[in-house]
C-alpha atoms as a PDB file:
ATOM      1  CA  MET A   1      82.794  88.962 125.170  1.00  0.00           C
ATOM      2  CA  ARG A   2      84.364  85.854 123.398  1.00  0.00           C
ATOM      3  CA  GLY A   3      81.838  86.278 120.410  1.00  0.00           C
ATOM      4  CA  ILE A   4      82.451  89.954 119.916  1.00  0.00           C
ATOM      5  CA  LYS A   5      86.391  89.183 119.714  1.00  0.00           C
ATOM      6  CA  ARG A   6      85.695  86.316 117.186  1.00  0.00           C
ATOM      7  CA  VAL A   7      83.275  88.617 115.003  1.00  0.00           C
ATOM      8  CA  PHE A   8      85.943  91.476 115.226  1.00  0.00           C
ATOM      9  CA  LEU A   9      88.528  88.946 114.226  1.00  0.00           C
ATOM     10  CA  VAL A  10      86.606  87.370 111.103  1.00  0.00           C
ATOM     11  CA  LEU A  11      85.754  91.250 110.215  1.00  0.00           C
ATOM     12  CA  ALA A  12      89.523  92.121 110.272  1.00  0.00           C
ATOM     13  CA  VAL A  13      90.459  89.165 108.432  1.00  0.00           C
ATOM     14  CA  LEU A  14      87.902  89.761 105.680  1.00  0.00           C
ATOM     15  CA  ALA A  15      89.179  93.494 105.390  1.00  0.00           C
ATOM     16  CA  VAL A  16      92.684  92.208 105.000  1.00  0.00           C
ATOM     17  CA  ALA A  17      91.559  89.827 102.267  1.00  0.00           C
ATOM     18  CA  LEU A  18      89.705  92.680 100.411  1.00  0.00           C
ATOM     19  CA  VAL A  19      92.587  94.831 100.383  1.00  0.00           C
ATOM     20  CA  VAL A  20      94.712  92.083  99.083  1.00  0.00           C
ATOM     21  CA  LEU A  21      92.221  91.271  96.421  1.00  0.00           C
ATOM     22  CA  ALA A  22      91.897  94.852  95.426  1.00  0.00           C
ATOM     23  CA  PHE A  23      95.643  95.162  95.425  1.00  0.00           C
ATOM     24  CA  VAL A  24      96.105  92.132  92.981  1.00  0.00           C
ATOM     25  CA  LEU A  25      93.329  93.331  90.763  1.00  0.00           C
ATOM     26  CA  GLU A  26      94.717  96.863  90.449  1.00  0.00           C
ATOM     27  CA  ASN A  27      98.238  95.597  89.666  1.00  0.00           C
ATOM     28  CA  GLN A  28      97.806  93.244  86.708  1.00  0.00           C
ATOM     29  CA  GLN A  29     100.508  95.001  84.469  1.00  0.00           C
ATOM     30  CA  GLY A  30     103.469  92.882  83.606  1.00  0.00           C
ATOM     31  CA  VAL A  31     106.834  93.717  84.677  1.00  0.00           C
ATOM     32  CA  SER A  32     110.307  92.061  84.462  1.00  0.00           C
ATOM     33  CA  LEU A  33     112.868  92.731  87.119  1.00  0.00           C
ATOM     34  CA  SER A  34     116.531  92.946  86.551  1.00  0.00           C
ATOM     35  CA  PHE A  35     119.319  92.967  89.258  1.00  0.00           C
ATOM     36  CA  LEU A  36     123.144  92.550  88.682  1.00  0.00           C
ATOM     37  CA  GLY A  37     122.516  91.135  85.026  1.00  0.00           C
ATOM     38  CA  TRP A  38     119.927  88.769  86.111  1.00  0.00           C
ATOM     39  CA  THR A  39     116.335  89.183  84.630  1.00  0.00           C
ATOM     40  CA  THR A  40     113.188  87.684  85.636  1.00  0.00           C
ATOM     41  CA  LEU A  41     110.099  86.510  83.735  1.00  0.00           C
ATOM     42  CA  GLN A  42     107.485  89.137  82.987  1.00  0.00           C
ATOM     43  CA  LEU A  43     104.858  88.578  85.518  1.00  0.00           C
ATOM     44  CA  PRO A  44     102.214  91.014  87.210  1.00  0.00           C
ATOM     45  CA  VAL A  45     103.570  93.393  89.899  1.00  0.00           C
ATOM     46  CA  ALA A  46     101.256  91.628  92.547  1.00  0.00           C
ATOM     47  CA  VAL A  47     103.316  88.333  92.251  1.00  0.00           C
ATOM     48  CA  TYR A  48     106.480  90.107  93.028  1.00  0.00           C
ATOM     49  CA  VAL A  49     105.040  92.119  95.813  1.00  0.00           C
ATOM     50  CA  VAL A  50     103.303  89.165  97.520  1.00  0.00           C
ATOM     51  CA  ALA A  51     106.554  86.924  96.971  1.00  0.00           C
ATOM     52  CA  ALA A  52     108.642  89.635  98.753  1.00  0.00           C
ATOM     53  CA  LEU A  53     106.065  89.711 101.614  1.00  0.00           C
ATOM     54  CA  ILE A  54     106.393  86.088 101.962  1.00  0.00           C
ATOM     55  CA  VAL A  55     110.052  85.912 101.902  1.00  0.00           C
ATOM     56  CA  GLY A  56     110.117  88.762 104.559  1.00  0.00           C
ATOM     57  CA  LEU A  57     107.644  86.935 106.789  1.00  0.00           C
ATOM     58  CA  MET A  58     109.832  83.979 106.685  1.00  0.00           C
ATOM     59  CA  VAL A  59     113.205  85.797 107.158  1.00  0.00           C
ATOM     60  CA  GLY A  60     112.172  88.258 109.948  1.00  0.00           C
ATOM     61  CA  PRO A  61     111.111  85.582 112.541  1.00  0.00           C
ATOM     62  CA  LEU A  62     114.275  83.597 111.402  1.00  0.00           C
ATOM     63  CA  LEU A  63     116.481  86.349 112.181  1.00  0.00           C
ATOM     64  CA  CYS A  64     114.820  86.919 115.505  1.00  0.00           C
ATOM     65  CA  VAL A  65     115.215  83.356 116.448  1.00  0.00           C
ATOM     66  CA  LEU A  66     119.009  83.516 115.631  1.00  0.00           C
ATOM     67  CA  ALA A  67     119.713  86.840 117.366  1.00  0.00           C
ATOM     68  CA  SER A  68     118.150  85.349 120.540  1.00  0.00           C
ATOM     69  CA  ALA A  69     120.078  82.214 120.275  1.00  0.00           C
ATOM     70  CA  THR A  70     123.005  84.154 120.041  1.00  0.00           C
ATOM     71  CA  ARG A  71     122.398  86.500 122.922  1.00  0.00           C
ATOM     72  CA  ARG A  72     121.592  83.451 124.926  1.00  0.00           C
ATOM     73  CA  HIS A  73     124.911  81.695 124.068  1.00  0.00           C
ATOM     74  CA  LYS A  74     126.724  84.920 124.907  1.00  0.00           C
ATOM     75  CA  ARG A  75     125.087  84.990 128.555  1.00  0.00           C
ATOM     76  CA  THR A  76     125.767  81.472 129.201  1.00  0.00           C
ATOM     77  CA  SER A  77     129.430  81.640 128.001  1.00  0.00           C
ATOM     78  CA  ILE A  78     129.723  84.798 130.257  1.00  0.00           C
ATOM     79  CA  ALA A  79     128.028  83.204 133.342  1.00  0.00           C
ATOM     80  CA  ARG A  80     130.631  80.113 132.878  1.00  0.00           C
ATOM     81  CA  GLU A  81     133.683  82.509 133.213  1.00  0.00           C
END
């Protein structure tokens, strides 16, 4: 059973890698982003999308940790009263 799970995991990782590779190869046209007067360099669309994904993957768990710490702090302060 362990071997089947490992094979499925490897196949899933390969499928995700192939989808990402296809996305990057399909989105090679250069774009420049502008926001509130700031303009970025002209880079492929895939660079910006992957950068947004990485930032989201870092910010999401950080917000969850902060929210759980805030809840934990509120529970302990209520219990003390």
